[in-house]
Amino acid sequence: MSKMIKAIVAAYHELPEDLQKEYVHSHCDYFILVYHRGELVFHACDNMEPEDATFCRDLSWISDVVEKAYKLGLKDGNSLDYLE
């Protein structure tokens, strides 16, 4: 059975070619990619240097991504597509 949700952290050189073009001028080192049934449904750059990782940094977008992935998982759990 294949995974319906897949989330990975990727370095710039590991990004698909179209995303490398999109982020060519960014100073990001790492990206989060979320795939649902093989389709890229979300991507983001952390755009954060280690010295920026403080308690006052707004990282609320991460919980939004996790919640969206959870909801996709609920839909998948309620379907019978996994039997294919």
PDB file of N, CA and C in Angstrom:
ATOM      1  N   MET A   1       0.855  -1.174   0.000  1.00  0.00           N
ATOM      2  CA  MET A   1       0.000   0.000   0.000  1.00  0.00           C
ATOM      3  C   MET A   1       0.900   1.235   0.000  1.00  0.00           C
ATOM      4  N   SER A   2       0.622   2.175  -0.866  1.00  0.00           N
ATOM      5  CA  SER A   2       1.414   3.395  -0.921  1.00  0.00           C
ATOM      6  C   SER A   2       0.919   4.392   0.121  1.00  0.00           C
ATOM      7  N   LYS A   3       1.802   5.286   0.502  1.00  0.00           N
ATOM      8  CA  LYS A   3       1.440   6.317   1.468  1.00  0.00           C
ATOM      9  C   LYS A   3       0.588   7.364   0.773  1.00  0.00           C
ATOM     10  N   MET A   4      -0.469   7.774   1.442  1.00  0.00           N
ATOM     11  CA  MET A   4      -1.328   8.795   0.866  1.00  0.00           C
ATOM     12  C   MET A   4      -0.790  10.183   1.183  1.00  0.00           C
ATOM     13  N   ILE A   5      -0.181  10.355   2.364  1.00  0.00           N
ATOM     14  CA  ILE A   5       0.409  11.623   2.769  1.00  0.00           C
ATOM     15  C   ILE A   5       1.900  11.402   2.950  1.00  0.00           C
ATOM     16  N   LYS A   6       2.674  12.302   2.412  1.00  0.00           N
ATOM     17  CA  LYS A   6       4.122  12.217   2.570  1.00  0.00           C
ATOM     18  C   LYS A   6       4.638  13.635   2.781  1.00  0.00           C
ATOM     19  N   ALA A   7       5.320  13.848   3.875  1.00  0.00           N
ATOM     20  CA  ALA A   7       5.915  15.151   4.162  1.00  0.00           C
ATOM     21  C   ALA A   7       7.416  14.957   4.285  1.00  0.00           C
ATOM     22  N   ILE A   8       8.161  15.776   3.569  1.00  0.00           N
ATOM     23  CA  ILE A   8       9.614  15.662   3.629  1.00  0.00           C
ATOM     24  C   ILE A   8      10.238  17.043   3.801  1.00  0.00           C
ATOM     25  N   VAL A   9      11.395  17.042   4.409  1.00  0.00           N
ATOM     26  CA  VAL A   9      12.231  18.239   4.467  1.00  0.00           C
ATOM     27  C   VAL A   9      13.332  18.012   3.444  1.00  0.00           C
ATOM     28  N   ALA A  10      13.501  18.963   2.551  1.00  0.00           N
ATOM     29  CA  ALA A  10      14.444  18.793   1.451  1.00  0.00           C
ATOM     30  C   ALA A  10      15.378  19.991   1.361  1.00  0.00           C
ATOM     31  N   ALA A  11      16.605  19.718   0.991  1.00  0.00           N
ATOM     32  CA  ALA A  11      17.558  20.784   0.690  1.00  0.00           C
ATOM     33  C   ALA A  11      17.243  21.319  -0.709  1.00  0.00           C
ATOM     34  N   TYR A  12      17.749  22.500  -1.002  1.00  0.00           N
ATOM     35  CA  TYR A  12      17.460  23.132  -2.293  1.00  0.00           C
ATOM     36  C   TYR A  12      17.749  22.188  -3.460  1.00  0.00           C
ATOM     37  N   HIS A  13      18.906  21.527  -3.434  1.00  0.00           N
ATOM     38  CA  HIS A  13      19.284  20.667  -4.569  1.00  0.00           C
ATOM     39  C   HIS A  13      18.410  19.415  -4.689  1.00  0.00           C
ATOM     40  N   GLU A  14      17.589  19.134  -3.678  1.00  0.00           N
ATOM     41  CA  GLU A  14      16.685  17.984  -3.718  1.00  0.00           C
ATOM     42  C   GLU A  14      15.282  18.354  -4.206  1.00  0.00           C
ATOM     43  N   LEU A  15      15.042  19.635  -4.409  1.00  0.00           N
ATOM     44  CA  LEU A  15      13.727  20.081  -4.866  1.00  0.00           C
ATOM     45  C   LEU A  15      13.475  19.664  -6.307  1.00  0.00           C
ATOM     46  N   PRO A  16      12.209  19.456  -6.659  1.00  0.00           N
ATOM     47  CA  PRO A  16      11.882  19.255  -8.075  1.00  0.00           C
ATOM     48  C   PRO A  16      12.333  20.484  -8.872  1.00  0.00           C
ATOM     49  N   GLU A  17      12.636  20.281 -10.123  1.00  0.00           N
ATOM     50  CA  GLU A  17      13.201  21.349 -10.954  1.00  0.00           C
ATOM     51  C   GLU A  17      12.341  22.612 -10.989  1.00  0.00           C
ATOM     52  N   ASP A  18      11.022  22.455 -11.069  1.00  0.00           N
ATOM     53  CA  ASP A  18      10.158  23.639 -11.123  1.00  0.00           C
ATOM     54  C   ASP A  18      10.228  24.450  -9.826  1.00  0.00           C
ATOM     55  N   LEU A  19      10.377  23.775  -8.693  1.00  0.00           N
ATOM     56  CA  LEU A  19      10.514  24.506  -7.433  1.00  0.00           C
ATOM     57  C   LEU A  19      11.891  25.154  -7.301  1.00  0.00           C
ATOM     58  N   GLN A  20      12.913  24.510  -7.843  1.00  0.00           N
ATOM     59  CA  GLN A  20      14.244  25.137  -7.833  1.00  0.00           C
ATOM     60  C   GLN A  20      14.181  26.469  -8.578  1.00  0.00           C
ATOM     61  N   LYS A  21      13.454  26.487  -9.685  1.00  0.00           N
ATOM     62  CA  LYS A  21      13.313  27.738 -10.445  1.00  0.00           C
ATOM     63  C   LYS A  21      12.542  28.781  -9.638  1.00  0.00           C
ATOM     64  N   GLU A  22      11.520  28.338  -8.917  1.00  0.00           N
ATOM     65  CA  GLU A  22      10.711  29.264  -8.125  1.00  0.00           C
ATOM     66  C   GLU A  22      11.519  29.884  -6.979  1.00  0.00           C
ATOM     67  N   TYR A  23      12.403  29.102  -6.390  1.00  0.00           N
ATOM     68  CA  TYR A  23      13.169  29.567  -5.233  1.00  0.00           C
ATOM     69  C   TYR A  23      14.605  29.946  -5.577  1.00  0.00           C
ATOM     70  N   VAL A  24      14.914  30.147  -6.840  1.00  0.00           N
ATOM     71  CA  VAL A  24      16.295  30.368  -7.268  1.00  0.00           C
ATOM     72  C   VAL A  24      16.939  31.568  -6.580  1.00  0.00           C
ATOM     73  N   HIS A  25      16.189  32.602  -6.275  1.00  0.00           N
ATOM     74  CA  HIS A  25      16.761  33.795  -5.661  1.00  0.00           C
ATOM     75  C   HIS A  25      16.541  33.868  -4.153  1.00  0.00           C
ATOM     76  N   SER A  26      16.006  32.807  -3.581  1.00  0.00           N
ATOM     77  CA  SER A  26      15.792  32.817  -2.129  1.00  0.00           C
ATOM     78  C   SER A  26      17.090  32.412  -1.437  1.00  0.00           C
ATOM     79  N   HIS A  27      17.167  32.716  -0.192  1.00  0.00           N
ATOM     80  CA  HIS A  27      18.346  32.351   0.596  1.00  0.00           C
ATOM     81  C   HIS A  27      18.028  31.186   1.521  1.00  0.00           C
ATOM     82  N   CYS A  28      17.041  30.405   1.156  1.00  0.00           N
ATOM     83  CA  CYS A  28      16.613  29.286   1.990  1.00  0.00           C
ATOM     84  C   CYS A  28      17.505  28.075   1.748  1.00  0.00           C
ATOM     85  N   ASP A  29      17.741  27.358   2.813  1.00  0.00           N
ATOM     86  CA  ASP A  29      18.504  26.119   2.700  1.00  0.00           C
ATOM     87  C   ASP A  29      17.601  24.891   2.701  1.00  0.00           C
ATOM     88  N   TYR A  30      16.496  24.961   3.463  1.00  0.00           N
ATOM     89  CA  TYR A  30      15.632  23.797   3.604  1.00  0.00           C
ATOM     90  C   TYR A  30      14.174  24.163   3.338  1.00  0.00           C
ATOM     91  N   PHE A  31      13.463  23.171   2.858  1.00  0.00           N
ATOM     92  CA  PHE A  31      12.079  23.347   2.446  1.00  0.00           C
ATOM     93  C   PHE A  31      11.254  22.188   2.977  1.00  0.00           C
ATOM     94  N   ILE A  32       9.974  22.443   3.225  1.00  0.00           N
ATOM     95  CA  ILE A  32       9.060  21.366   3.559  1.00  0.00           C
ATOM     96  C   ILE A  32       8.159  21.154   2.345  1.00  0.00           C
ATOM     97  N   LEU A  33       8.007  19.901   1.983  1.00  0.00           N
ATOM     98  CA  LEU A  33       7.162  19.514   0.852  1.00  0.00           C
ATOM     99  C   LEU A  33       6.129  18.520   1.369  1.00  0.00           C
ATOM    100  N   VAL A  34       4.870  18.758   1.065  1.00  0.00           N
ATOM    101  CA  VAL A  34       3.808  17.842   1.474  1.00  0.00           C
ATOM    102  C   VAL A  34       3.136  17.320   0.213  1.00  0.00           C
ATOM    103  N   TYR A  35       3.136  15.998   0.097  1.00  0.00           N
ATOM    104  CA  TYR A  35       2.507  15.328  -1.040  1.00  0.00           C
ATOM    105  C   TYR A  35       1.275  14.578  -0.552  1.00  0.00           C
ATOM    106  N   HIS A  36       0.215  14.636  -1.345  1.00  0.00           N
ATOM    107  CA  HIS A  36      -0.992  13.859  -1.077  1.00  0.00           C
ATOM    108  C   HIS A  36      -1.292  13.047  -2.319  1.00  0.00           C
ATOM    109  N   ARG A  37      -1.243  11.745  -2.164  1.00  0.00           N
ATOM    110  CA  ARG A  37      -1.460  10.820  -3.278  1.00  0.00           C
ATOM    111  C   ARG A  37      -0.537  11.125  -4.462  1.00  0.00           C
ATOM    112  N   GLY A  38       0.701  11.475  -4.119  1.00  0.00           N
ATOM    113  CA  GLY A  38       1.712  11.717  -5.141  1.00  0.00           C
ATOM    114  C   GLY A  38       1.727  13.120  -5.720  1.00  0.00           C
ATOM    115  N   GLU A  39       0.770  13.948  -5.331  1.00  0.00           N
ATOM    116  CA  GLU A  39       0.695  15.315  -5.855  1.00  0.00           C
ATOM    117  C   GLU A  39       1.183  16.297  -4.779  1.00  0.00           C
ATOM    118  N   LEU A  40       2.040  17.208  -5.180  1.00  0.00           N
ATOM    119  CA  LEU A  40       2.537  18.222  -4.263  1.00  0.00           C
ATOM    120  C   LEU A  40       1.399  19.185  -3.920  1.00  0.00           C
ATOM    121  N   VAL A  41       1.004  19.221  -2.641  1.00  0.00           N
ATOM    122  CA  VAL A  41      -0.112  20.065  -2.239  1.00  0.00           C
ATOM    123  C   VAL A  41       0.340  21.267  -1.416  1.00  0.00           C
ATOM    124  N   PHE A  42       1.569  21.253  -0.929  1.00  0.00           N
ATOM    125  CA  PHE A  42       2.078  22.374  -0.152  1.00  0.00           C
ATOM    126  C   PHE A  42       3.599  22.357  -0.188  1.00  0.00           C
ATOM    127  N   HIS A  43       4.167  23.550  -0.261  1.00  0.00           N
ATOM    128  CA  HIS A  43       5.615  23.684  -0.110  1.00  0.00           C
ATOM    129  C   HIS A  43       5.911  25.023   0.526  1.00  0.00           C
ATOM    130  N   ALA A  44       6.965  25.053   1.306  1.00  0.00           N
ATOM    131  CA  ALA A  44       7.362  26.301   1.961  1.00  0.00           C
ATOM    132  C   ALA A  44       8.838  26.242   2.289  1.00  0.00           C
ATOM    133  N   CYS A  45       9.398  27.416   2.378  1.00  0.00           N
ATOM    134  CA  CYS A  45      10.792  27.586   2.775  1.00  0.00           C
ATOM    135  C   CYS A  45      10.781  28.072   4.214  1.00  0.00           C
ATOM    136  N   ASP A  46      11.668  27.531   5.042  1.00  0.00           N
ATOM    137  CA  ASP A  46      11.675  27.996   6.426  1.00  0.00           C
ATOM    138  C   ASP A  46      12.225  29.417   6.537  1.00  0.00           C
ATOM    139  N   ASN A  47      13.079  29.815   5.600  1.00  0.00           N
ATOM    140  CA  ASN A  47      13.609  31.175   5.547  1.00  0.00           C
ATOM    141  C   ASN A  47      14.083  31.656   6.920  1.00  0.00           C
ATOM    142  N   MET A  48      14.773  30.757   7.611  1.00  0.00           N
ATOM    143  CA  MET A  48      15.176  31.070   8.965  1.00  0.00           C
ATOM    144  C   MET A  48      16.604  30.603   9.211  1.00  0.00           C
ATOM    145  N   GLU A  49      17.431  31.517   9.597  1.00  0.00           N
ATOM    146  CA  GLU A  49      18.792  31.195   9.996  1.00  0.00           C
ATOM    147  C   GLU A  49      18.764  30.647  11.421  1.00  0.00           C
ATOM    148  N   PRO A  50      19.739  29.823  11.799  1.00  0.00           N
ATOM    149  CA  PRO A  50      19.744  29.262  13.158  1.00  0.00           C
ATOM    150  C   PRO A  50      19.625  30.325  14.254  1.00  0.00           C
ATOM    151  N   GLU A  51      20.243  31.469  14.040  1.00  0.00           N
ATOM    152  CA  GLU A  51      20.168  32.515  15.066  1.00  0.00           C
ATOM    153  C   GLU A  51      18.780  33.151  15.158  1.00  0.00           C
ATOM    154  N   ASP A  52      17.923  32.881  14.164  1.00  0.00           N
ATOM    155  CA  ASP A  52      16.558  33.407  14.179  1.00  0.00           C
ATOM    156  C   ASP A  52      15.583  32.488  14.919  1.00  0.00           C
ATOM    157  N   ALA A  53      16.014  31.296  15.257  1.00  0.00           N
ATOM    158  CA  ALA A  53      15.136  30.313  15.899  1.00  0.00           C
ATOM    159  C   ALA A  53      14.967  30.668  17.374  1.00  0.00           C
ATOM    160  N   THR A  54      14.050  31.582  17.631  1.00  0.00           N
ATOM    161  CA  THR A  54      13.804  32.034  18.997  1.00  0.00           C
ATOM    162  C   THR A  54      12.336  31.836  19.331  1.00  0.00           C
ATOM    163  N   PHE A  55      12.011  32.008  20.590  1.00  0.00           N
ATOM    164  CA  PHE A  55      10.624  31.843  21.021  1.00  0.00           C
ATOM    165  C   PHE A  55       9.709  32.941  20.497  1.00  0.00           C
ATOM    166  N   CYS A  56      10.260  34.044  20.061  1.00  0.00           N
ATOM    167  CA  CYS A  56       9.410  35.123  19.562  1.00  0.00           C
ATOM    168  C   CYS A  56       9.168  35.015  18.055  1.00  0.00           C
ATOM    169  N   ARG A  57       9.764  34.050  17.405  1.00  0.00           N
ATOM    170  CA  ARG A  57       9.566  33.849  15.969  1.00  0.00           C
ATOM    171  C   ARG A  57       8.199  33.224  15.711  1.00  0.00           C
ATOM    172  N   ASP A  58       7.452  33.746  14.758  1.00  0.00           N
ATOM    173  CA  ASP A  58       6.124  33.227  14.441  1.00  0.00           C
ATOM    174  C   ASP A  58       6.248  32.008  13.530  1.00  0.00           C
ATOM    175  N   LEU A  59       6.041  30.854  14.113  1.00  0.00           N
ATOM    176  CA  LEU A  59       6.082  29.607  13.351  1.00  0.00           C
ATOM    177  C   LEU A  59       4.700  28.947  13.307  1.00  0.00           C
ATOM    178  N   SER A  60       3.671  29.763  13.461  1.00  0.00           N
ATOM    179  CA  SER A  60       2.313  29.222  13.494  1.00  0.00           C
ATOM    180  C   SER A  60       1.912  28.561  12.181  1.00  0.00           C
ATOM    181  N   TRP A  61       2.558  28.923  11.082  1.00  0.00           N
ATOM    182  CA  TRP A  61       2.219  28.328   9.792  1.00  0.00           C
ATOM    183  C   TRP A  61       2.461  26.826   9.792  1.00  0.00           C
ATOM    184  N   ILE A  62       3.383  26.354  10.636  1.00  0.00           N
ATOM    185  CA  ILE A  62       3.679  24.916  10.674  1.00  0.00           C
ATOM    186  C   ILE A  62       2.473  24.144  11.187  1.00  0.00           C
ATOM    187  N   SER A  63       1.830  24.632  12.240  1.00  0.00           N
ATOM    188  CA  SER A  63       0.656  23.924  12.758  1.00  0.00           C
ATOM    189  C   SER A  63      -0.482  23.932  11.745  1.00  0.00           C
ATOM    190  N   ASP A  64      -0.584  24.981  10.947  1.00  0.00           N
ATOM    191  CA  ASP A  64      -1.602  25.023   9.893  1.00  0.00           C
ATOM    192  C   ASP A  64      -1.359  23.918   8.861  1.00  0.00           C
ATOM    193  N   VAL A  65      -0.105  23.711   8.504  1.00  0.00           N
ATOM    194  CA  VAL A  65       0.238  22.664   7.535  1.00  0.00           C
ATOM    195  C   VAL A  65      -0.072  21.284   8.108  1.00  0.00           C
ATOM    196  N   VAL A  66       0.287  21.070   9.361  1.00  0.00           N
ATOM    197  CA  VAL A  66       0.022  19.786  10.007  1.00  0.00           C
ATOM    198  C   VAL A  66      -1.486  19.531  10.070  1.00  0.00           C
ATOM    199  N   GLU A  67      -2.262  20.558  10.403  1.00  0.00           N
ATOM    200  CA  GLU A  67      -3.713  20.401  10.477  1.00  0.00           C
ATOM    201  C   GLU A  67      -4.312  20.070   9.110  1.00  0.00           C
ATOM    202  N   LYS A  68      -3.836  20.735   8.050  1.00  0.00           N
ATOM    203  CA  LYS A  68      -4.338  20.438   6.705  1.00  0.00           C
ATOM    204  C   LYS A  68      -4.008  19.003   6.306  1.00  0.00           C
ATOM    205  N   ALA A  69      -2.795  18.555   6.628  1.00  0.00           N
ATOM    206  CA  ALA A  69      -2.410  17.175   6.317  1.00  0.00           C
ATOM    207  C   ALA A  69      -3.267  16.191   7.113  1.00  0.00           C
ATOM    208  N   TYR A  70      -3.545  16.517   8.356  1.00  0.00           N
ATOM    209  CA  TYR A  70      -4.401  15.673   9.189  1.00  0.00           C
ATOM    210  C   TYR A  70      -5.795  15.539   8.569  1.00  0.00           C
ATOM    211  N   LYS A  71      -6.345  16.649   8.105  1.00  0.00           N
ATOM    212  CA  LYS A  71      -7.679  16.619   7.498  1.00  0.00           C
ATOM    213  C   LYS A  71      -7.683  15.793   6.212  1.00  0.00           C
ATOM    214  N   LEU A  72      -6.604  15.884   5.431  1.00  0.00           N
ATOM    215  CA  LEU A  72      -6.506  15.033   4.241  1.00  0.00           C
ATOM    216  C   LEU A  72      -6.468  13.562   4.656  1.00  0.00           C
ATOM    217  N   GLY A  73      -5.759  13.274   5.739  1.00  0.00           N
ATOM    218  CA  GLY A  73      -5.692  11.906   6.249  1.00  0.00           C
ATOM    219  C   GLY A  73      -7.048  11.401   6.708  1.00  0.00           C
ATOM    220  N   LEU A  74      -7.825  12.267   7.331  1.00  0.00           N
ATOM    221  CA  LEU A  74      -9.178  11.868   7.737  1.00  0.00           C
ATOM    222  C   LEU A  74     -10.025  11.510   6.530  1.00  0.00           C
ATOM    223  N   LYS A  75      -9.925  12.313   5.469  1.00  0.00           N
ATOM    224  CA  LYS A  75     -10.679  12.012   4.249  1.00  0.00           C
ATOM    225  C   LYS A  75     -10.238  10.662   3.677  1.00  0.00           C
ATOM    226  N   ASP A  76      -8.928  10.434   3.667  1.00  0.00           N
ATOM    227  CA  ASP A  76      -8.420   9.174   3.139  1.00  0.00           C
ATOM    228  C   ASP A  76      -8.881   7.992   3.998  1.00  0.00           C
ATOM    229  N   GLY A  77      -8.905   8.202   5.312  1.00  0.00           N
ATOM    230  CA  GLY A  77      -9.336   7.121   6.224  1.00  0.00           C
ATOM    231  C   GLY A  77     -10.796   6.777   6.073  1.00  0.00           C
ATOM    232  N   ASN A  78     -11.585   7.723   5.613  1.00  0.00           N
ATOM    233  CA  ASN A  78     -13.014   7.496   5.414  1.00  0.00           C
ATOM    234  C   ASN A  78     -13.334   6.993   4.017  1.00  0.00           C
ATOM    235  N   SER A  79     -12.337   6.888   3.161  1.00  0.00           N
ATOM    236  CA  SER A  79     -12.590   6.393   1.800  1.00  0.00           C
ATOM    237  C   SER A  79     -12.152   4.933   1.720  1.00  0.00           C
ATOM    238  N   LEU A  80     -12.541   4.299   0.667  1.00  0.00           N
ATOM    239  CA  LEU A  80     -12.141   2.917   0.446  1.00  0.00           C
ATOM    240  C   LEU A  80     -11.051   2.812  -0.619  1.00  0.00           C
ATOM    241  N   ASP A  81     -10.453   3.946  -0.980  1.00  0.00           N
ATOM    242  CA  ASP A  81      -9.430   3.952  -2.014  1.00  0.00           C
ATOM    243  C   ASP A  81      -8.217   3.110  -1.638  1.00  0.00           C
ATOM    244  N   TYR A  82      -7.962   2.935  -0.355  1.00  0.00           N
ATOM    245  CA  TYR A  82      -6.799   2.166   0.063  1.00  0.00           C
ATOM    246  C   TYR A  82      -6.907   0.699  -0.298  1.00  0.00           C
ATOM    247  N   LEU A  83      -8.118   0.244  -0.665  1.00  0.00           N
ATOM    248  CA  LEU A  83      -8.315  -1.150  -1.034  1.00  0.00           C
ATOM    249  C   LEU A  83      -7.854  -1.453  -2.460  1.00  0.00           C
ATOM    250  N   GLU A  84      -7.597  -0.399  -3.235  1.00  0.00           N
ATOM    251  CA  GLU A  84      -7.205  -0.600  -4.636  1.00  0.00           C
ATOM    252  C   GLU A  84      -5.837  -1.233  -4.730  1.00  0.00           C
TER     253      GLU A  84
END
